[in-house]
PDB file of N, CA and C in Angstrom:
ATOM      1  N   MET A   1      16.925  16.742 -62.633  1.00  0.00           N
ATOM      2  CA  MET A   1      16.787  15.320 -62.452  1.00  0.00           C
ATOM      3  C   MET A   1      15.312  14.939 -62.587  1.00  0.00           C
ATOM      4  N   THR A   2      15.018  14.001 -63.475  1.00  0.00           N
ATOM      5  CA  THR A   2      13.651  13.544 -63.697  1.00  0.00           C
ATOM      6  C   THR A   2      13.405  12.286 -62.886  1.00  0.00           C
ATOM      7  N   THR A   3      12.341  12.305 -62.101  1.00  0.00           N
ATOM      8  CA  THR A   3      11.988  11.136 -61.315  1.00  0.00           C
ATOM      9  C   THR A   3      10.973  10.325 -62.103  1.00  0.00           C
ATOM     10  N   LYS A   4      11.265   9.044 -62.277  1.00  0.00           N
ATOM     11  CA  LYS A   4      10.368   8.177 -63.007  1.00  0.00           C
ATOM     12  C   LYS A   4       9.178   7.802 -62.130  1.00  0.00           C
ATOM     13  N   LYS A   5       8.014   7.871 -62.713  1.00  0.00           N
ATOM     14  CA  LYS A   5       6.787   7.527 -62.010  1.00  0.00           C
ATOM     15  C   LYS A   5       6.759   6.023 -61.737  1.00  0.00           C
ATOM     16  N   THR A   6       6.388   5.625 -60.512  1.00  0.00           N
ATOM     17  CA  THR A   6       6.388   4.202 -60.180  1.00  0.00           C
ATOM     18  C   THR A   6       4.985   3.662 -59.913  1.00  0.00           C
ATOM     19  N   SER A   7       3.978   4.382 -60.361  1.00  0.00           N
ATOM     20  CA  SER A   7       2.612   3.870 -60.283  1.00  0.00           C
ATOM     21  C   SER A   7       1.903   4.265 -61.567  1.00  0.00           C
ATOM     22  N   HIS A   8       0.748   3.685 -61.771  1.00  0.00           N
ATOM     23  CA  HIS A   8       0.031   3.926 -63.020  1.00  0.00           C
ATOM     24  C   HIS A   8      -1.408   4.300 -62.731  1.00  0.00           C
ATOM     25  N   VAL A   9      -1.913   5.281 -63.465  1.00  0.00           N
ATOM     26  CA  VAL A   9      -3.314   5.678 -63.408  1.00  0.00           C
ATOM     27  C   VAL A   9      -3.894   5.398 -64.790  1.00  0.00           C
ATOM     28  N   LEU A  10      -4.939   4.587 -64.839  1.00  0.00           N
ATOM     29  CA  LEU A  10      -5.549   4.220 -66.113  1.00  0.00           C
ATOM     30  C   LEU A  10      -6.106   5.455 -66.806  1.00  0.00           C
ATOM     31  N   ARG A  11      -5.773   5.604 -68.084  1.00  0.00           N
ATOM     32  CA  ARG A  11      -6.211   6.758 -68.872  1.00  0.00           C
ATOM     33  C   ARG A  11      -7.358   6.423 -69.822  1.00  0.00           C
ATOM     34  N   ASP A  12      -7.553   5.152 -70.115  1.00  0.00           N
ATOM     35  CA  ASP A  12      -8.551   4.709 -71.089  1.00  0.00           C
ATOM     36  C   ASP A  12      -9.957   4.976 -70.551  1.00  0.00           C
ATOM     37  N   GLU A  13     -10.601   6.014 -71.070  1.00  0.00           N
ATOM     38  CA  GLU A  13     -11.920   6.442 -70.571  1.00  0.00           C
ATOM     39  C   GLU A  13     -12.978   5.355 -70.734  1.00  0.00           C
ATOM     40  N   GLU A  14     -12.923   4.616 -71.838  1.00  0.00           N
ATOM     41  CA  GLU A  14     -13.897   3.544 -72.071  1.00  0.00           C
ATOM     42  C   GLU A  14     -13.759   2.438 -71.019  1.00  0.00           C
ATOM     43  N   GLN A  15     -12.528   2.045 -70.745  1.00  0.00           N
ATOM     44  CA  GLN A  15     -12.289   1.013 -69.728  1.00  0.00           C
ATOM     45  C   GLN A  15     -12.670   1.531 -68.338  1.00  0.00           C
ATOM     46  N   LEU A  16     -12.321   2.782 -68.058  1.00  0.00           N
ATOM     47  CA  LEU A  16     -12.685   3.367 -66.761  1.00  0.00           C
ATOM     48  C   LEU A  16     -14.196   3.364 -66.565  1.00  0.00           C
ATOM     49  N   ALA A  17     -14.934   3.707 -67.615  1.00  0.00           N
ATOM     50  CA  ALA A  17     -16.396   3.725 -67.532  1.00  0.00           C
ATOM     51  C   ALA A  17     -16.937   2.320 -67.285  1.00  0.00           C
ATOM     52  N   ALA A  18     -16.390   1.332 -67.982  1.00  0.00           N
ATOM     53  CA  ALA A  18     -16.848  -0.053 -67.808  1.00  0.00           C
ATOM     54  C   ALA A  18     -16.551  -0.562 -66.396  1.00  0.00           C
ATOM     55  N   ILE A  19     -15.377  -0.242 -65.895  1.00  0.00           N
ATOM     56  CA  ILE A  19     -14.992  -0.674 -64.543  1.00  0.00           C
ATOM     57  C   ILE A  19     -15.874   0.010 -63.507  1.00  0.00           C
ATOM     58  N   THR A  20     -16.086   1.305 -63.674  1.00  0.00           N
ATOM     59  CA  THR A  20     -16.932   2.052 -62.744  1.00  0.00           C
ATOM     60  C   THR A  20     -18.354   1.502 -62.738  1.00  0.00           C
ATOM     61  N   LYS A  21     -18.878   1.207 -63.905  1.00  0.00           N
ATOM     62  CA  LYS A  21     -20.234   0.649 -64.009  1.00  0.00           C
ATOM     63  C   LYS A  21     -20.324  -0.685 -63.276  1.00  0.00           C
ATOM     64  N   ARG A  22     -19.324  -1.539 -63.447  1.00  0.00           N
ATOM     65  CA  ARG A  22     -19.319  -2.851 -62.795  1.00  0.00           C
ATOM     66  C   ARG A  22     -19.239  -2.697 -61.269  1.00  0.00           C
ATOM     67  N   ILE A  23     -18.427  -1.774 -60.795  1.00  0.00           N
ATOM     68  CA  ILE A  23     -18.293  -1.566 -59.349  1.00  0.00           C
ATOM     69  C   ILE A  23     -19.575  -0.966 -58.768  1.00  0.00           C
ATOM     70  N   LYS A  24     -20.208  -0.067 -59.493  1.00  0.00           N
ATOM     71  CA  LYS A  24     -21.487   0.484 -59.021  1.00  0.00           C
ATOM     72  C   LYS A  24     -22.541  -0.603 -58.932  1.00  0.00           C
ATOM     73  N   ARG A  25     -22.538  -1.521 -59.898  1.00  0.00           N
ATOM     74  CA  ARG A  25     -23.476  -2.642 -59.867  1.00  0.00           C
ATOM     75  C   ARG A  25     -23.195  -3.518 -58.630  1.00  0.00           C
ATOM     76  N   ALA A  26     -21.929  -3.783 -58.369  1.00  0.00           N
ATOM     77  CA  ALA A  26     -21.560  -4.582 -57.195  1.00  0.00           C
ATOM     78  C   ALA A  26     -21.977  -3.867 -55.910  1.00  0.00           C
ATOM     79  N   HIS A  27     -21.832  -2.554 -55.900  1.00  0.00           N
ATOM     80  CA  HIS A  27     -22.248  -1.760 -54.737  1.00  0.00           C
ATOM     81  C   HIS A  27     -23.751  -1.940 -54.487  1.00  0.00           C
ATOM     82  N   GLY A  28     -24.534  -1.897 -55.541  1.00  0.00           N
ATOM     83  CA  GLY A  28     -25.976  -2.114 -55.422  1.00  0.00           C
ATOM     84  C   GLY A  28     -26.289  -3.518 -54.933  1.00  0.00           C
ATOM     85  N   GLN A  29     -25.535  -4.495 -55.419  1.00  0.00           N
ATOM     86  CA  GLN A  29     -25.731  -5.871 -54.971  1.00  0.00           C
ATOM     87  C   GLN A  29     -25.404  -6.018 -53.485  1.00  0.00           C
ATOM     88  N   MET A  30     -24.406  -5.291 -53.016  1.00  0.00           N
ATOM     89  CA  MET A  30     -24.068  -5.341 -51.585  1.00  0.00           C
ATOM     90  C   MET A  30     -25.236  -4.822 -50.743  1.00  0.00           C
ATOM     91  N   GLY A  31     -25.866  -3.748 -51.208  1.00  0.00           N
ATOM     92  CA  GLY A  31     -27.049  -3.238 -50.510  1.00  0.00           C
ATOM     93  C   GLY A  31     -28.157  -4.274 -50.472  1.00  0.00           C
ATOM     94  N   ALA A  32     -28.330  -4.998 -51.575  1.00  0.00           N
ATOM     95  CA  ALA A  32     -29.344  -6.052 -51.631  1.00  0.00           C
ATOM     96  C   ALA A  32     -29.017  -7.172 -50.643  1.00  0.00           C
ATOM     97  N   ILE A  33     -27.739  -7.483 -50.500  1.00  0.00           N
ATOM     98  CA  ILE A  33     -27.327  -8.525 -49.550  1.00  0.00           C
ATOM     99  C   ILE A  33     -27.667  -8.109 -48.123  1.00  0.00           C
ATOM    100  N   VAL A  34     -27.403  -6.859 -47.777  1.00  0.00           N
ATOM    101  CA  VAL A  34     -27.738  -6.356 -46.438  1.00  0.00           C
ATOM    102  C   VAL A  34     -29.238  -6.499 -46.202  1.00  0.00           C
ATOM    103  N   ARG A  35     -30.056  -6.098 -47.189  1.00  0.00           N
ATOM    104  CA  ARG A  35     -31.508  -6.216 -47.049  1.00  0.00           C
ATOM    105  C   ARG A  35     -31.930  -7.676 -46.895  1.00  0.00           C
ATOM    106  N   MET A  36     -31.307  -8.551 -47.675  1.00  0.00           N
ATOM    107  CA  MET A  36     -31.634  -9.978 -47.598  1.00  0.00           C
ATOM    108  C   MET A  36     -31.330 -10.519 -46.206  1.00  0.00           C
ATOM    109  N   LEU A  37     -30.203 -10.118 -45.638  1.00  0.00           N
ATOM    110  CA  LEU A  37     -29.846 -10.555 -44.282  1.00  0.00           C
ATOM    111  C   LEU A  37     -30.862 -10.042 -43.267  1.00  0.00           C
ATOM    112  N   GLU A  38     -31.223  -8.780 -43.401  1.00  0.00           N
ATOM    113  CA  GLU A  38     -32.181  -8.173 -42.468  1.00  0.00           C
ATOM    114  C   GLU A  38     -33.570  -8.788 -42.592  1.00  0.00           C
ATOM    115  N   GLU A  39     -33.918  -9.241 -43.795  1.00  0.00           N
ATOM    116  CA  GLU A  39     -35.224  -9.840 -44.032  1.00  0.00           C
ATOM    117  C   GLU A  39     -35.261 -11.331 -43.706  1.00  0.00           C
ATOM    118  N   GLY A  40     -34.101 -11.901 -43.377  1.00  0.00           N
ATOM    119  CA  GLY A  40     -34.064 -13.319 -43.031  1.00  0.00           C
ATOM    120  C   GLY A  40     -34.169 -14.250 -44.224  1.00  0.00           C
ATOM    121  N   ARG A  41     -33.621 -13.836 -45.357  1.00  0.00           N
ATOM    122  CA  ARG A  41     -33.657 -14.674 -46.555  1.00  0.00           C
ATOM    123  C   ARG A  41     -32.751 -15.890 -46.385  1.00  0.00           C
ATOM    124  N   SER A  42     -32.913 -16.851 -47.259  1.00  0.00           N
ATOM    125  CA  SER A  42     -32.171 -18.115 -47.141  1.00  0.00           C
ATOM    126  C   SER A  42     -30.677 -17.902 -47.382  1.00  0.00           C
ATOM    127  N   CYS A  43     -29.891 -18.757 -46.731  1.00  0.00           N
ATOM    128  CA  CYS A  43     -28.434 -18.714 -46.901  1.00  0.00           C
ATOM    129  C   CYS A  43     -28.067 -18.897 -48.368  1.00  0.00           C
ATOM    130  N   GLU A  44     -28.773 -19.786 -49.054  1.00  0.00           N
ATOM    131  CA  GLU A  44     -28.474 -20.050 -50.466  1.00  0.00           C
ATOM    132  C   GLU A  44     -28.636 -18.785 -51.305  1.00  0.00           C
ATOM    133  N   ASP A  45     -29.735 -18.048 -51.101  1.00  0.00           N
ATOM    134  CA  ASP A  45     -29.960 -16.813 -51.850  1.00  0.00           C
ATOM    135  C   ASP A  45     -28.885 -15.773 -51.548  1.00  0.00           C
ATOM    136  N   ILE A  46     -28.539 -15.662 -50.279  1.00  0.00           N
ATOM    137  CA  ILE A  46     -27.556 -14.660 -49.864  1.00  0.00           C
ATOM    138  C   ILE A  46     -26.173 -14.992 -50.417  1.00  0.00           C
ATOM    139  N   VAL A  47     -25.775 -16.240 -50.298  1.00  0.00           N
ATOM    140  CA  VAL A  47     -24.454 -16.638 -50.783  1.00  0.00           C
ATOM    141  C   VAL A  47     -24.371 -16.502 -52.303  1.00  0.00           C
ATOM    142  N   THR A  48     -25.463 -16.773 -52.990  1.00  0.00           N
ATOM    143  CA  THR A  48     -25.490 -16.590 -54.438  1.00  0.00           C
ATOM    144  C   THR A  48     -25.211 -15.131 -54.795  1.00  0.00           C
ATOM    145  N   GLN A  49     -25.833 -14.212 -54.066  1.00  0.00           N
ATOM    146  CA  GLN A  49     -25.587 -12.788 -54.301  1.00  0.00           C
ATOM    147  C   GLN A  49     -24.161 -12.400 -53.929  1.00  0.00           C
ATOM    148  N   MET A  50     -23.651 -12.961 -52.837  1.00  0.00           N
ATOM    149  CA  MET A  50     -22.270 -12.669 -52.435  1.00  0.00           C
ATOM    150  C   MET A  50     -21.284 -13.134 -53.504  1.00  0.00           C
ATOM    151  N   ALA A  51     -21.539 -14.302 -54.082  1.00  0.00           N
ATOM    152  CA  ALA A  51     -20.665 -14.824 -55.136  1.00  0.00           C
ATOM    153  C   ALA A  51     -20.705 -13.898 -56.352  1.00  0.00           C
ATOM    154  N   ALA A  52     -21.884 -13.374 -56.671  1.00  0.00           N
ATOM    155  CA  ALA A  52     -22.013 -12.449 -57.805  1.00  0.00           C
ATOM    156  C   ALA A  52     -21.220 -11.168 -57.552  1.00  0.00           C
ATOM    157  N   VAL A  53     -21.277 -10.671 -56.323  1.00  0.00           N
ATOM    158  CA  VAL A  53     -20.514  -9.467 -55.977  1.00  0.00           C
ATOM    159  C   VAL A  53     -19.018  -9.744 -56.094  1.00  0.00           C
ATOM    160  N   GLY A  54     -18.588 -10.874 -55.564  1.00  0.00           N
ATOM    161  CA  GLY A  54     -17.171 -11.234 -55.632  1.00  0.00           C
ATOM    162  C   GLY A  54     -16.681 -11.323 -57.064  1.00  0.00           C
ATOM    163  N   LYS A  55     -17.487 -11.949 -57.921  1.00  0.00           N
ATOM    164  CA  LYS A  55     -17.099 -12.081 -59.322  1.00  0.00           C
ATOM    165  C   LYS A  55     -17.041 -10.705 -59.993  1.00  0.00           C
ATOM    166  N   ALA A  56     -18.009  -9.844 -59.707  1.00  0.00           N
ATOM    167  CA  ALA A  56     -18.032  -8.506 -60.310  1.00  0.00           C
ATOM    168  C   ALA A  56     -16.803  -7.703 -59.892  1.00  0.00           C
ATOM    169  N   VAL A  57     -16.453  -7.748 -58.627  1.00  0.00           N
ATOM    170  CA  VAL A  57     -15.289  -7.000 -58.126  1.00  0.00           C
ATOM    171  C   VAL A  57     -13.996  -7.563 -58.727  1.00  0.00           C
ATOM    172  N   ASN A  58     -13.868  -8.885 -58.754  1.00  0.00           N
ATOM    173  CA  ASN A  58     -12.663  -9.487 -59.332  1.00  0.00           C
ATOM    174  C   ASN A  58     -12.540  -9.174 -60.816  1.00  0.00           C
ATOM    175  N   THR A  59     -13.644  -9.235 -61.538  1.00  0.00           N
ATOM    176  CA  THR A  59     -13.608  -8.910 -62.964  1.00  0.00           C
ATOM    177  C   THR A  59     -13.187  -7.461 -63.173  1.00  0.00           C
ATOM    178  N   ALA A  60     -13.706  -6.562 -62.352  1.00  0.00           N
ATOM    179  CA  ALA A  60     -13.315  -5.151 -62.449  1.00  0.00           C
ATOM    180  C   ALA A  60     -11.822  -4.992 -62.171  1.00  0.00           C
ATOM    181  N   ALA A  61     -11.318  -5.692 -61.181  1.00  0.00           N
ATOM    182  CA  ALA A  61      -9.896  -5.600 -60.842  1.00  0.00           C
ATOM    183  C   ALA A  61      -9.024  -6.141 -61.975  1.00  0.00           C
ATOM    184  N   PHE A  62      -9.396  -7.305 -62.520  1.00  0.00           N
ATOM    185  CA  PHE A  62      -8.633  -7.872 -63.628  1.00  0.00           C
ATOM    186  C   PHE A  62      -8.662  -6.946 -64.845  1.00  0.00           C
ATOM    187  N   THR A  63      -9.816  -6.344 -65.104  1.00  0.00           N
ATOM    188  CA  THR A  63      -9.943  -5.412 -66.227  1.00  0.00           C
ATOM    189  C   THR A  63      -9.049  -4.200 -66.017  1.00  0.00           C
ATOM    190  N   LEU A  64      -9.035  -3.671 -64.805  1.00  0.00           N
ATOM    191  CA  LEU A  64      -8.185  -2.519 -64.485  1.00  0.00           C
ATOM    192  C   LEU A  64      -6.711  -2.852 -64.695  1.00  0.00           C
ATOM    193  N   ILE A  65      -6.291  -3.997 -64.207  1.00  0.00           N
ATOM    194  CA  ILE A  65      -4.884  -4.385 -64.335  1.00  0.00           C
ATOM    195  C   ILE A  65      -4.519  -4.641 -65.793  1.00  0.00           C
ATOM    196  N   SER A  66      -5.366  -5.369 -66.515  1.00  0.00           N
ATOM    197  CA  SER A  66      -5.022  -5.683 -67.906  1.00  0.00           C
ATOM    198  C   SER A  66      -5.012  -4.422 -68.773  1.00  0.00           C
ATOM    199  N   ALA A  67      -5.954  -3.521 -68.547  1.00  0.00           N
ATOM    200  CA  ALA A  67      -5.966  -2.264 -69.310  1.00  0.00           C
ATOM    201  C   ALA A  67      -4.734  -1.424 -68.976  1.00  0.00           C
ATOM    202  N   SER A  68      -4.327  -1.437 -67.728  1.00  0.00           N
ATOM    203  CA  SER A  68      -3.128  -0.695 -67.321  1.00  0.00           C
ATOM    204  C   SER A  68      -1.879  -1.292 -67.944  1.00  0.00           C
ATOM    205  N   LEU A  69      -1.777  -2.616 -67.940  1.00  0.00           N
ATOM    206  CA  LEU A  69      -0.630  -3.263 -68.573  1.00  0.00           C
ATOM    207  C   LEU A  69      -0.575  -2.938 -70.059  1.00  0.00           C
ATOM    208  N   LYS A  70      -1.723  -2.927 -70.707  1.00  0.00           N
ATOM    209  CA  LYS A  70      -1.782  -2.591 -72.130  1.00  0.00           C
ATOM    210  C   LYS A  70      -1.246  -1.177 -72.366  1.00  0.00           C
ATOM    211  N   GLU A  71      -1.680  -0.233 -71.531  1.00  0.00           N
ATOM    212  CA  GLU A  71      -1.176   1.139 -71.672  1.00  0.00           C
ATOM    213  C   GLU A  71       0.328   1.204 -71.467  1.00  0.00           C
ATOM    214  N   CYS A  72       0.826   0.438 -70.512  1.00  0.00           N
ATOM    215  CA  CYS A  72       2.268   0.455 -70.243  1.00  0.00           C
ATOM    216  C   CYS A  72       3.068  -0.107 -71.414  1.00  0.00           C
ATOM    217  N   ILE A  73       2.497  -1.101 -72.087  1.00  0.00           N
ATOM    218  CA  ILE A  73       3.182  -1.697 -73.230  1.00  0.00           C
ATOM    219  C   ILE A  73       3.192  -0.733 -74.407  1.00  0.00           C
ATOM    220  N   ILE A  74       2.085  -0.051 -74.606  1.00  0.00           N
ATOM    221  CA  ILE A  74       1.924   0.833 -75.768  1.00  0.00           C
ATOM    222  C   ILE A  74       2.666   2.153 -75.606  1.00  0.00           C
ATOM    223  N   ASP A  75       2.631   2.731 -74.408  1.00  0.00           N
ATOM    224  CA  ASP A  75       3.177   4.074 -74.187  1.00  0.00           C
ATOM    225  C   ASP A  75       4.585   4.002 -73.600  1.00  0.00           C
ATOM    226  N   PRO A  76       5.588   4.368 -74.376  1.00  0.00           N
ATOM    227  CA  PRO A  76       6.964   4.297 -73.877  1.00  0.00           C
ATOM    228  C   PRO A  76       7.244   5.227 -72.693  1.00  0.00           C
ATOM    229  N   GLU A  77       6.437   6.285 -72.537  1.00  0.00           N
ATOM    230  CA  GLU A  77       6.635   7.198 -71.408  1.00  0.00           C
ATOM    231  C   GLU A  77       6.330   6.538 -70.071  1.00  0.00           C
ATOM    232  N   ILE A  78       5.387   5.599 -70.081  1.00  0.00           N
ATOM    233  CA  ILE A  78       5.013   4.948 -68.818  1.00  0.00           C
ATOM    234  C   ILE A  78       5.454   3.495 -68.774  1.00  0.00           C
ATOM    235  N   ASN A  79       6.153   3.058 -69.793  1.00  0.00           N
ATOM    236  CA  ASN A  79       6.611   1.679 -69.846  1.00  0.00           C
ATOM    237  C   ASN A  79       7.874   1.526 -69.016  1.00  0.00           C
ATOM    238  N   SER A  80       7.686   1.209 -67.763  1.00  0.00           N
ATOM    239  CA  SER A  80       8.842   0.968 -66.904  1.00  0.00           C
ATOM    240  C   SER A  80       8.722  -0.416 -66.297  1.00  0.00           C
ATOM    241  N   ASP A  81       9.851  -1.035 -66.102  1.00  0.00           N
ATOM    242  CA  ASP A  81       9.853  -2.374 -65.511  1.00  0.00           C
ATOM    243  C   ASP A  81       9.221  -2.361 -64.126  1.00  0.00           C
ATOM    244  N   GLU A  82       9.466  -1.291 -63.390  1.00  0.00           N
ATOM    245  CA  GLU A  82       8.934  -1.214 -62.029  1.00  0.00           C
ATOM    246  C   GLU A  82       7.403  -1.183 -62.022  1.00  0.00           C
ATOM    247  N   ILE A  83       6.805  -0.401 -62.908  1.00  0.00           N
ATOM    248  CA  ILE A  83       5.342  -0.335 -62.986  1.00  0.00           C
ATOM    249  C   ILE A  83       4.787  -1.685 -63.429  1.00  0.00           C
ATOM    250  N   THR A  84       5.399  -2.279 -64.441  1.00  0.00           N
ATOM    251  CA  THR A  84       4.949  -3.578 -64.927  1.00  0.00           C
ATOM    252  C   THR A  84       5.024  -4.619 -63.821  1.00  0.00           C
ATOM    253  N   GLN A  85       6.090  -4.619 -63.063  1.00  0.00           N
ATOM    254  CA  GLN A  85       6.230  -5.574 -61.962  1.00  0.00           C
ATOM    255  C   GLN A  85       5.154  -5.353 -60.900  1.00  0.00           C
ATOM    256  N   LYS A  86       4.854  -4.096 -60.594  1.00  0.00           N
ATOM    257  CA  LYS A  86       3.803  -3.803 -59.613  1.00  0.00           C
ATOM    258  C   LYS A  86       2.445  -4.296 -60.099  1.00  0.00           C
ATOM    259  N   LEU A  87       2.155  -4.073 -61.384  1.00  0.00           N
ATOM    260  CA  LEU A  87       0.878  -4.519 -61.939  1.00  0.00           C
ATOM    261  C   LEU A  87       0.795  -6.044 -61.961  1.00  0.00           C
ATOM    262  N   GLN A  88       1.897  -6.697 -62.279  1.00  0.00           N
ATOM    263  CA  GLN A  88       1.917  -8.153 -62.256  1.00  0.00           C
ATOM    264  C   GLN A  88       1.686  -8.683 -60.843  1.00  0.00           C
ATOM    265  N   LYS A  89       2.272  -8.022 -59.864  1.00  0.00           N
ATOM    266  CA  LYS A  89       2.086  -8.425 -58.467  1.00  0.00           C
ATOM    267  C   LYS A  89       0.608  -8.249 -58.060  1.00  0.00           C
ATOM    268  N   LEU A  90      -0.014  -7.146 -58.502  1.00  0.00           N
ATOM    269  CA  LEU A  90      -1.434  -6.945 -58.231  1.00  0.00           C
ATOM    270  C   LEU A  90      -2.262  -8.049 -58.857  1.00  0.00           C
ATOM    271  N   PHE A  91      -1.932  -8.390 -60.091  1.00  0.00           N
ATOM    272  CA  PHE A  91      -2.642  -9.453 -60.794  1.00  0.00           C
ATOM    273  C   PHE A  91      -2.553 -10.761 -60.006  1.00  0.00           C
ATOM    274  N   LEU A  92      -1.359 -11.098 -59.562  1.00  0.00           N
ATOM    275  CA  LEU A  92      -1.165 -12.336 -58.807  1.00  0.00           C
ATOM    276  C   LEU A  92      -1.875 -12.310 -57.460  1.00  0.00           C
ATOM    277  N   SER A  93      -2.058 -11.135 -56.889  1.00  0.00           N
ATOM    278  CA  SER A  93      -2.759 -11.051 -55.600  1.00  0.00           C
ATOM    279  C   SER A  93      -4.222 -11.427 -55.743  1.00  0.00           C
ATOM    280  N   LEU A  94      -4.764 -11.355 -56.958  1.00  0.00           N
ATOM    281  CA  LEU A  94      -6.163 -11.718 -57.199  1.00  0.00           C
ATOM    282  C   LEU A  94      -6.337 -13.196 -57.519  1.00  0.00           C
ATOM    283  N   ALA A  95      -5.246 -13.839 -57.910  1.00  0.00           N
ATOM    284  CA  ALA A  95      -5.334 -15.247 -58.334  1.00  0.00           C
ATOM    285  C   ALA A  95      -5.493 -16.188 -57.149  1.00  0.00           C
TER     286      ALA A  95
END
């Protein structure tokens, strides 16, 4: 009996590298936000950095989901309705 996989791991190395790079950049920005708070920087400067981090994380998430959906469409081995539905639900959780 073969059990169908109900989750997806992105295989596209180029997309994985781009997503990882974006998340590492956001991680660095978070460190900058902590320093800004400790240094007593203005709320405007801090919130601007927070917005940049939020956008970077959301973009990485959308990229991960869209690349995963693309793989599911292309590869019949991983093209299951259940995986597609899970990815769509993840996408909607970001909206």
